[in-house]
Amino acid sequence: MLSYSTDHGGYVVDLDKDMLEEAPRYAGDDDAPLYDADYDRAVNTYYGVTY
């Protein structure tokens, strides 16, 4: 989902702002989520990634 843009000097993602604002996340001062199969599935489902 990421591509590198020399015009932007970094990575860009083809997602709208609303989707990113509602994306699964945690605050830096909160405990990180457990990166298990359930969390993986939830994040991938949110972004519509299947494999």
PDB file of N, CA and C in Angstrom:
ATOM      1  N   MET A   1       0.809  -1.194   0.000  1.00  0.00           N
ATOM      2  CA  MET A   1       0.000   0.000   0.000  1.00  0.00           C
ATOM      3  C   MET A   1       0.857   1.265   0.000  1.00  0.00           C
ATOM      4  N   LEU A   2       2.117   1.126   0.302  1.00  0.00           N
ATOM      5  CA  LEU A   2       3.008   2.275   0.295  1.00  0.00           C
ATOM      6  C   LEU A   2       3.799   2.327  -0.994  1.00  0.00           C
ATOM      7  N   SER A   3       4.045   3.519  -1.448  1.00  0.00           N
ATOM      8  CA  SER A   3       4.968   3.699  -2.563  1.00  0.00           C
ATOM      9  C   SER A   3       5.842   4.902  -2.233  1.00  0.00           C
ATOM     10  N   TYR A   4       7.065   4.852  -2.710  1.00  0.00           N
ATOM     11  CA  TYR A   4       7.981   5.944  -2.426  1.00  0.00           C
ATOM     12  C   TYR A   4       7.843   7.006  -3.500  1.00  0.00           C
ATOM     13  N   SER A   5       7.732   8.257  -3.091  1.00  0.00           N
ATOM     14  CA  SER A   5       7.600   9.375  -4.014  1.00  0.00           C
ATOM     15  C   SER A   5       8.795  10.297  -3.866  1.00  0.00           C
ATOM     16  N   THR A   6       9.576  10.415  -4.931  1.00  0.00           N
ATOM     17  CA  THR A   6      10.688  11.354  -4.881  1.00  0.00           C
ATOM     18  C   THR A   6      10.159  12.789  -4.855  1.00  0.00           C
ATOM     19  N   ASP A   7       8.980  13.028  -5.453  1.00  0.00           N
ATOM     20  CA  ASP A   7       8.369  14.361  -5.419  1.00  0.00           C
ATOM     21  C   ASP A   7       8.026  14.785  -3.993  1.00  0.00           C
ATOM     22  N   HIS A   8       7.567  13.817  -3.181  1.00  0.00           N
ATOM     23  CA  HIS A   8       7.198  14.116  -1.799  1.00  0.00           C
ATOM     24  C   HIS A   8       8.348  13.881  -0.824  1.00  0.00           C
ATOM     25  N   GLY A   9       9.382  13.232  -1.280  1.00  0.00           N
ATOM     26  CA  GLY A   9      10.516  12.952  -0.408  1.00  0.00           C
ATOM     27  C   GLY A   9      10.204  11.932   0.661  1.00  0.00           C
ATOM     28  N   GLY A  10       9.289  11.019   0.371  1.00  0.00           N
ATOM     29  CA  GLY A  10       8.935   9.991   1.336  1.00  0.00           C
ATOM     30  C   GLY A  10       7.874   9.070   0.798  1.00  0.00           C
ATOM     31  N   TYR A  11       7.354   8.255   1.686  1.00  0.00           N
ATOM     32  CA  TYR A  11       6.329   7.287   1.303  1.00  0.00           C
ATOM     33  C   TYR A  11       4.953   7.935   1.272  1.00  0.00           C
ATOM     34  N   VAL A  12       4.146   7.494   0.333  1.00  0.00           N
ATOM     35  CA  VAL A  12       2.758   7.941   0.238  1.00  0.00           C
ATOM     36  C   VAL A  12       1.864   6.706   0.212  1.00  0.00           C
ATOM     37  N   VAL A  13       0.643   6.893   0.673  1.00  0.00           N
ATOM     38  CA  VAL A  13      -0.317   5.811   0.699  1.00  0.00           C
ATOM     39  C   VAL A  13      -1.609   6.328   0.079  1.00  0.00           C
ATOM     40  N   ASP A  14      -2.241   5.498  -0.736  1.00  0.00           N
ATOM     41  CA  ASP A  14      -3.451   5.888  -1.437  1.00  0.00           C
ATOM     42  C   ASP A  14      -4.684   5.590  -0.585  1.00  0.00           C
ATOM     43  N   LEU A  15      -4.827   6.357   0.500  1.00  0.00           N
ATOM     44  CA  LEU A  15      -5.980   6.243   1.398  1.00  0.00           C
ATOM     45  C   LEU A  15      -6.479   7.641   1.696  1.00  0.00           C
ATOM     46  N   ASP A  16      -7.785   7.770   1.885  1.00  0.00           N
ATOM     47  CA  ASP A  16      -8.282   9.101   2.215  1.00  0.00           C
ATOM     48  C   ASP A  16      -8.071   9.401   3.698  1.00  0.00           C
ATOM     49  N   LYS A  17      -8.101  10.671   4.020  1.00  0.00           N
ATOM     50  CA  LYS A  17      -7.811  11.134   5.371  1.00  0.00           C
ATOM     51  C   LYS A  17      -8.766  10.539   6.408  1.00  0.00           C
ATOM     52  N   ASP A  18     -10.053  10.434   6.071  1.00  0.00           N
ATOM     53  CA  ASP A  18     -11.027   9.878   7.021  1.00  0.00           C
ATOM     54  C   ASP A  18     -10.678   8.448   7.411  1.00  0.00           C
ATOM     55  N   MET A  19     -10.255   7.658   6.432  1.00  0.00           N
ATOM     56  CA  MET A  19      -9.908   6.267   6.731  1.00  0.00           C
ATOM     57  C   MET A  19      -8.708   6.215   7.678  1.00  0.00           C
ATOM     58  N   LEU A  20      -7.726   7.056   7.438  1.00  0.00           N
ATOM     59  CA  LEU A  20      -6.553   7.075   8.316  1.00  0.00           C
ATOM     60  C   LEU A  20      -6.893   7.563   9.714  1.00  0.00           C
ATOM     61  N   GLU A  21      -7.781   8.548   9.808  1.00  0.00           N
ATOM     62  CA  GLU A  21      -8.148   9.066  11.121  1.00  0.00           C
ATOM     63  C   GLU A  21      -8.893   8.036  11.960  1.00  0.00           C
ATOM     64  N   GLU A  22      -9.610   7.122  11.329  1.00  0.00           N
ATOM     65  CA  GLU A  22     -10.374   6.096  12.046  1.00  0.00           C
ATOM     66  C   GLU A  22      -9.621   4.771  12.166  1.00  0.00           C
ATOM     67  N   ALA A  23      -8.400   4.735  11.683  1.00  0.00           N
ATOM     68  CA  ALA A  23      -7.619   3.491  11.645  1.00  0.00           C
ATOM     69  C   ALA A  23      -7.274   2.998  13.046  1.00  0.00           C
ATOM     70  N   PRO A  24      -7.077   1.690  13.189  1.00  0.00           N
ATOM     71  CA  PRO A  24      -6.642   1.143  14.484  1.00  0.00           C
ATOM     72  C   PRO A  24      -5.303   1.774  14.881  1.00  0.00           C
ATOM     73  N   ARG A  25      -5.221   2.202  16.122  1.00  0.00           N
ATOM     74  CA  ARG A  25      -3.981   2.823  16.602  1.00  0.00           C
ATOM     75  C   ARG A  25      -3.963   2.832  18.127  1.00  0.00           C
ATOM     76  N   TYR A  26      -2.815   3.189  18.654  1.00  0.00           N
ATOM     77  CA  TYR A  26      -2.690   3.365  20.095  1.00  0.00           C
ATOM     78  C   TYR A  26      -1.746   4.535  20.330  1.00  0.00           C
ATOM     79  N   ALA A  27      -1.931   5.231  21.430  1.00  0.00           N
ATOM     80  CA  ALA A  27      -1.081   6.370  21.767  1.00  0.00           C
ATOM     81  C   ALA A  27       0.284   5.868  22.211  1.00  0.00           C
ATOM     82  N   GLY A  28       1.288   6.650  21.944  1.00  0.00           N
ATOM     83  CA  GLY A  28       2.654   6.262  22.292  1.00  0.00           C
ATOM     84  C   GLY A  28       2.846   5.991  23.769  1.00  0.00           C
ATOM     85  N   ASP A  29       2.052   6.634  24.624  1.00  0.00           N
ATOM     86  CA  ASP A  29       2.201   6.411  26.061  1.00  0.00           C
ATOM     87  C   ASP A  29       1.313   5.279  26.583  1.00  0.00           C
ATOM     88  N   ASP A  30       0.480   4.710  25.697  1.00  0.00           N
ATOM     89  CA  ASP A  30      -0.333   3.546  26.063  1.00  0.00           C
ATOM     90  C   ASP A  30       0.474   2.273  25.815  1.00  0.00           C
ATOM     91  N   ASP A  31       0.020   1.194  26.425  1.00  0.00           N
ATOM     92  CA  ASP A  31       0.658  -0.085  26.146  1.00  0.00           C
ATOM     93  C   ASP A  31       0.381  -0.490  24.700  1.00  0.00           C
ATOM     94  N   ALA A  32       1.384  -0.996  24.039  1.00  0.00           N
ATOM     95  CA  ALA A  32       1.229  -1.458  22.665  1.00  0.00           C
ATOM     96  C   ALA A  32       0.290  -2.665  22.649  1.00  0.00           C
ATOM     97  N   PRO A  33      -0.500  -2.802  21.588  1.00  0.00           N
ATOM     98  CA  PRO A  33      -1.377  -3.968  21.512  1.00  0.00           C
ATOM     99  C   PRO A  33      -0.558  -5.250  21.355  1.00  0.00           C
ATOM    100  N   LEU A  34      -1.172  -6.342  21.699  1.00  0.00           N
ATOM    101  CA  LEU A  34      -0.553  -7.645  21.514  1.00  0.00           C
ATOM    102  C   LEU A  34      -0.620  -7.978  20.020  1.00  0.00           C
ATOM    103  N   TYR A  35       0.516  -8.054  19.379  1.00  0.00           N
ATOM    104  CA  TYR A  35       0.555  -8.313  17.938  1.00  0.00           C
ATOM    105  C   TYR A  35       0.401  -9.800  17.662  1.00  0.00           C
ATOM    106  N   ASP A  36      -0.807 -10.285  17.866  1.00  0.00           N
ATOM    107  CA  ASP A  36      -1.097 -11.692  17.629  1.00  0.00           C
ATOM    108  C   ASP A  36      -1.951 -11.836  16.365  1.00  0.00           C
ATOM    109  N   ALA A  37      -2.387 -13.045  16.084  1.00  0.00           N
ATOM    110  CA  ALA A  37      -3.171 -13.312  14.876  1.00  0.00           C
ATOM    111  C   ALA A  37      -4.486 -12.535  14.861  1.00  0.00           C
ATOM    112  N   ASP A  38      -5.125 -12.359  16.012  1.00  0.00           N
ATOM    113  CA  ASP A  38      -6.382 -11.615  16.073  1.00  0.00           C
ATOM    114  C   ASP A  38      -6.176 -10.144  15.732  1.00  0.00           C
ATOM    115  N   TYR A  39      -5.117  -9.552  16.270  1.00  0.00           N
ATOM    116  CA  TYR A  39      -4.827  -8.151  15.980  1.00  0.00           C
ATOM    117  C   TYR A  39      -4.474  -7.994  14.497  1.00  0.00           C
ATOM    118  N   ASP A  40      -3.658  -8.891  13.996  1.00  0.00           N
ATOM    119  CA  ASP A  40      -3.285  -8.885  12.579  1.00  0.00           C
ATOM    120  C   ASP A  40      -4.529  -8.933  11.696  1.00  0.00           C
ATOM    121  N   ARG A  41      -5.431  -9.817  12.006  1.00  0.00           N
ATOM    122  CA  ARG A  41      -6.668  -9.980  11.241  1.00  0.00           C
ATOM    123  C   ARG A  41      -7.524  -8.709  11.311  1.00  0.00           C
ATOM    124  N   ALA A  42      -7.616  -8.098  12.493  1.00  0.00           N
ATOM    125  CA  ALA A  42      -8.417  -6.887  12.661  1.00  0.00           C
ATOM    126  C   ALA A  42      -7.859  -5.725  11.834  1.00  0.00           C
ATOM    127  N   VAL A  43      -6.554  -5.545  11.866  1.00  0.00           N
ATOM    128  CA  VAL A  43      -5.939  -4.457  11.097  1.00  0.00           C
ATOM    129  C   VAL A  43      -6.084  -4.719   9.603  1.00  0.00           C
ATOM    130  N   ASN A  44      -5.798  -5.919   9.182  1.00  0.00           N
ATOM    131  CA  ASN A  44      -5.908  -6.237   7.762  1.00  0.00           C
ATOM    132  C   ASN A  44      -7.342  -6.137   7.264  1.00  0.00           C
ATOM    133  N   THR A  45      -8.295  -6.536   8.078  1.00  0.00           N
ATOM    134  CA  THR A  45      -9.706  -6.413   7.706  1.00  0.00           C
ATOM    135  C   THR A  45     -10.087  -4.946   7.563  1.00  0.00           C
ATOM    136  N   TYR A  46      -9.620  -4.110   8.467  1.00  0.00           N
ATOM    137  CA  TYR A  46      -9.922  -2.684   8.398  1.00  0.00           C
ATOM    138  C   TYR A  46      -9.476  -2.103   7.053  1.00  0.00           C
ATOM    139  N   TYR A  47      -8.278  -2.481   6.606  1.00  0.00           N
ATOM    140  CA  TYR A  47      -7.741  -1.944   5.365  1.00  0.00           C
ATOM    141  C   TYR A  47      -8.146  -2.741   4.127  1.00  0.00           C
ATOM    142  N   GLY A  48      -8.917  -3.804   4.324  1.00  0.00           N
ATOM    143  CA  GLY A  48      -9.381  -4.601   3.192  1.00  0.00           C
ATOM    144  C   GLY A  48      -8.297  -5.458   2.573  1.00  0.00           C
ATOM    145  N   VAL A  49      -7.302  -5.812   3.370  1.00  0.00           N
ATOM    146  CA  VAL A  49      -6.203  -6.646   2.886  1.00  0.00           C
ATOM    147  C   VAL A  49      -6.559  -8.102   3.082  1.00  0.00           C
ATOM    148  N   THR A  50      -6.439  -8.861   2.031  1.00  0.00           N
ATOM    149  CA  THR A  50      -6.652 -10.311   2.128  1.00  0.00           C
ATOM    150  C   THR A  50      -5.425 -11.015   1.598  1.00  0.00           C
ATOM    151  N   TYR A  51      -5.142 -12.147   2.190  1.00  0.00           N
ATOM    152  CA  TYR A  51      -4.019 -12.977   1.725  1.00  0.00           C
ATOM    153  C   TYR A  51      -4.227 -14.387   2.119  1.00  0.00           C
TER     154      TYR A  51
END
